[in-house]
C-alpha atoms as a PDB file:
ATOM      1  CA  UNK A   1      44.712 232.257 -90.593  1.00  0.00           C
ATOM      2  CA  UNK A   2      46.759 229.092 -90.823  1.00  0.00           C
ATOM      3  CA  UNK A   3      47.247 227.284 -94.101  1.00  0.00           C
ATOM      4  CA  UNK A   4      48.322 223.656 -94.297  1.00  0.00           C
ATOM      5  CA  UNK A   5      49.398 222.386 -97.687  1.00  0.00           C
ATOM      6  CA  UNK A   6      49.641 218.769 -98.753  1.00  0.00           C
ATOM      7  CA  UNK A   7      50.346 216.915-101.926  1.00  0.00           C
ATOM      8  CA  UNK A   8      53.196 217.451-104.323  1.00  0.00           C
ATOM      9  CA  UNK A   9      55.993 215.059-105.097  1.00  0.00           C
ATOM     10  CA  UNK A  10      57.762 213.632-108.096  1.00  0.00           C
ATOM     11  CA  UNK A  11      55.939 212.815-111.324  1.00  0.00           C
ATOM     12  CA  UNK A  12      56.852 212.066-114.910  1.00  0.00           C
ATOM     13  CA  UNK A  13      56.121 214.563-117.625  1.00  0.00           C
ATOM     14  CA  UNK A  14      52.490 214.236-118.670  1.00  0.00           C
ATOM     15  CA  UNK A  15      51.437 212.996-115.280  1.00  0.00           C
ATOM     16  CA  UNK A  16      49.110 214.474-112.693  1.00  0.00           C
ATOM     17  CA  UNK A  17      49.311 215.651-109.114  1.00  0.00           C
ATOM     18  CA  UNK A  18      46.853 217.170-106.687  1.00  0.00           C
ATOM     19  CA  UNK A  19      47.657 219.809-104.091  1.00  0.00           C
ATOM     20  CA  UNK A  20      45.385 220.599-101.183  1.00  0.00           C
ATOM     21  CA  UNK A  21      45.375 223.515 -98.781  1.00  0.00           C
ATOM     22  CA  UNK A  22      43.356 223.427 -95.583  1.00  0.00           C
ATOM     23  CA  UNK A  23      42.636 226.704 -93.821  1.00  0.00           C
ATOM     24  CA  UNK A  24      41.946 227.232 -90.143  1.00  0.00           C
ATOM     25  CA  UNK A  25      41.631 230.162 -87.787  1.00  0.00           C
ATOM     26  CA  UNK A  26      39.878 233.449 -88.659  1.00  0.00           C
ATOM     27  CA  UNK A  27      38.993 232.592 -92.222  1.00  0.00           C
ATOM     28  CA  UNK A  28      35.753 234.549 -92.382  1.00  0.00           C
ATOM     29  CA  UNK A  29      37.579 237.551 -93.804  1.00  0.00           C
ATOM     30  CA  UNK A  30      39.370 235.608 -96.530  1.00  0.00           C
ATOM     31  CA  UNK A  31      38.079 236.427-100.004  1.00  0.00           C
ATOM     32  CA  UNK A  32      40.795 234.984-102.253  1.00  0.00           C
ATOM     33  CA  UNK A  33      42.601 231.669-102.005  1.00  0.00           C
ATOM     34  CA  UNK A  34      44.964 229.938-104.287  1.00  0.00           C
ATOM     35  CA  UNK A  35      48.438 228.835-105.169  1.00  0.00           C
ATOM     36  CA  UNK A  36      51.614 230.597-106.130  1.00  0.00           C
ATOM     37  CA  UNK A  37      54.752 228.845-107.274  1.00  0.00           C
ATOM     38  CA  UNK A  38      58.449 229.560-107.332  1.00  0.00           C
ATOM     39  CA  UNK A  39      60.754 227.766-109.703  1.00  0.00           C
ATOM     40  CA  UNK A  40      64.496 227.533-109.014  1.00  0.00           C
ATOM     41  CA  UNK A  41      66.141 230.866-109.698  1.00  0.00           C
ATOM     42  CA  UNK A  42      62.860 232.603-110.466  1.00  0.00           C
ATOM     43  CA  UNK A  43      60.467 234.877-108.658  1.00  0.00           C
ATOM     44  CA  UNK A  44      57.280 233.635-107.069  1.00  0.00           C
ATOM     45  CA  UNK A  45      54.381 233.786-109.504  1.00  0.00           C
ATOM     46  CA  UNK A  46      50.673 233.195-109.409  1.00  0.00           C
ATOM     47  CA  UNK A  47      49.549 229.740-110.503  1.00  0.00           C
ATOM     48  CA  UNK A  48      45.820 229.857-109.791  1.00  0.00           C
ATOM     49  CA  UNK A  49      43.379 231.655-107.517  1.00  0.00           C
ATOM     50  CA  UNK A  50      39.717 231.395-106.669  1.00  0.00           C
ATOM     51  CA  UNK A  51      37.574 234.188-105.270  1.00  0.00           C
ATOM     52  CA  UNK A  52      34.696 233.697-102.851  1.00  0.00           C
ATOM     53  CA  UNK A  53      32.206 234.156-105.684  1.00  0.00           C
ATOM     54  CA  UNK A  54      33.811 231.214-107.483  1.00  0.00           C
ATOM     55  CA  UNK A  55      35.650 233.173-110.150  1.00  0.00           C
ATOM     56  CA  UNK A  56      38.992 231.589-110.976  1.00  0.00           C
ATOM     57  CA  UNK A  57      42.183 232.988-112.431  1.00  0.00           C
ATOM     58  CA  UNK A  58      45.079 231.063-113.931  1.00  0.00           C
ATOM     59  CA  UNK A  59      48.574 231.864-115.074  1.00  0.00           C
ATOM     60  CA  UNK A  60      48.606 231.567-118.861  1.00  0.00           C
ATOM     61  CA  UNK A  61      50.938 228.579-119.019  1.00  0.00           C
ATOM     62  CA  UNK A  62      48.692 226.415-116.812  1.00  0.00           C
ATOM     63  CA  UNK A  63      45.352 227.245-118.411  1.00  0.00           C
ATOM     64  CA  UNK A  64      43.616 224.115-119.600  1.00  0.00           C
ATOM     65  CA  UNK A  65      45.879 221.899-117.495  1.00  0.00           C
ATOM     66  CA  UNK A  66      45.335 223.057-113.914  1.00  0.00           C
ATOM     67  CA  UNK A  67      41.997 223.333-112.144  1.00  0.00           C
ATOM     68  CA  UNK A  68      41.464 225.073-108.833  1.00  0.00           C
ATOM     69  CA  UNK A  69      38.446 224.229-106.729  1.00  0.00           C
ATOM     70  CA  UNK A  70      37.254 224.657-103.189  1.00  0.00           C
ATOM     71  CA  UNK A  71      35.297 222.780-100.581  1.00  0.00           C
ATOM     72  CA  UNK A  72      33.620 225.446 -98.484  1.00  0.00           C
ATOM     73  CA  UNK A  73      32.563 223.052 -95.727  1.00  0.00           C
ATOM     74  CA  UNK A  74      36.091 221.732 -95.297  1.00  0.00           C
ATOM     75  CA  UNK A  75      37.757 225.141 -95.863  1.00  0.00           C
ATOM     76  CA  UNK A  76      39.975 223.436 -98.391  1.00  0.00           C
ATOM     77  CA  UNK A  77      41.238 224.534-101.777  1.00  0.00           C
ATOM     78  CA  UNK A  78      42.530 221.957-104.231  1.00  0.00           C
ATOM     79  CA  UNK A  79      44.732 222.378-107.276  1.00  0.00           C
ATOM     80  CA  UNK A  80      44.423 219.535-109.747  1.00  0.00           C
ATOM     81  CA  UNK A  81      47.426 219.574-112.054  1.00  0.00           C
ATOM     82  CA  UNK A  82      47.258 217.515-115.246  1.00  0.00           C
ATOM     83  CA  UNK A  83      49.570 217.174-118.228  1.00  0.00           C
ATOM     84  CA  UNK A  84      52.456 218.321-116.087  1.00  0.00           C
ATOM     85  CA  UNK A  85      55.579 219.600-117.789  1.00  0.00           C
ATOM     86  CA  UNK A  86      59.151 219.905-116.511  1.00  0.00           C
ATOM     87  CA  UNK A  87      58.683 223.682-116.444  1.00  0.00           C
ATOM     88  CA  UNK A  88      55.973 223.217-113.814  1.00  0.00           C
ATOM     89  CA  UNK A  89      58.697 222.128-111.407  1.00  0.00           C
ATOM     90  CA  UNK A  90      58.563 224.539-108.488  1.00  0.00           C
ATOM     91  CA  UNK A  91      57.762 224.976-104.847  1.00  0.00           C
ATOM     92  CA  UNK A  92      54.037 225.615-104.637  1.00  0.00           C
ATOM     93  CA  UNK A  93      52.755 227.906-101.896  1.00  0.00           C
ATOM     94  CA  UNK A  94      49.232 227.954-100.580  1.00  0.00           C
ATOM     95  CA  UNK A  95      47.865 231.523-100.416  1.00  0.00           C
ATOM     96  CA  UNK A  96      44.992 233.423 -98.833  1.00  0.00           C
ATOM     97  CA  UNK A  97      44.075 237.099 -98.946  1.00  0.00           C
ATOM     98  CA  UNK A  98      41.554 238.865 -96.753  1.00  0.00           C
ATOM     99  CA  UNK A  99      39.128 241.676 -97.456  1.00  0.00           C
ATOM    100  CA  UNK A 100      41.693 243.998 -95.866  1.00  0.00           C
ATOM    101  CA  UNK A 101      44.420 242.871 -98.267  1.00  0.00           C
ATOM    102  CA  UNK A 102      46.280 240.899 -95.642  1.00  0.00           C
ATOM    103  CA  UNK A 103      48.102 237.936 -97.161  1.00  0.00           C
ATOM    104  CA  UNK A 104      48.803 234.584 -95.581  1.00  0.00           C
ATOM    105  CA  UNK A 105      51.127 231.887 -96.864  1.00  0.00           C
ATOM    106  CA  UNK A 106      51.269 228.194 -96.157  1.00  0.00           C
ATOM    107  CA  UNK A 107      54.431 226.188 -96.194  1.00  0.00           C
ATOM    108  CA  UNK A 108      55.705 225.337 -99.641  1.00  0.00           C
ATOM    109  CA  UNK A 109      55.329 221.941-101.181  1.00  0.00           C
ATOM    110  CA  UNK A 110      57.733 220.767-103.855  1.00  0.00           C
ATOM    111  CA  UNK A 111      56.474 219.578-107.217  1.00  0.00           C
ATOM    112  CA  UNK A 112      59.093 217.975-109.437  1.00  0.00           C
ATOM    113  CA  UNK A 113      58.273 216.964-113.001  1.00  0.00           C
ATOM    114  CA  UNK A 114      60.907 214.862-114.698  1.00  0.00           C
ATOM    115  CA  UNK A 115      61.191 214.513-118.454  1.00  0.00           C
END
């Protein structure tokens, strides 16, 4: 499975950004997709995930501000990030997990929120 992330960039506090992650390769076994993020000096943490049945999961601090969605035909997962805060500044990593618990990572994309 190959994951190609796009989006990210610099935005003012309160602004919005959209991240996209396109998957290719043997994706039939993937049952969870999403985004993790790693802020400077911190460990990587879950931001949002979506399971094949459509159930979503969000880190508490992004609930109500971030929305994860998927386009099954395009094998793409999108993270819409609204009301961004400086503490959302991080490298965001596209993520996929298979039925056999194998994990794939895309390249990171930097999101910088300035106050």
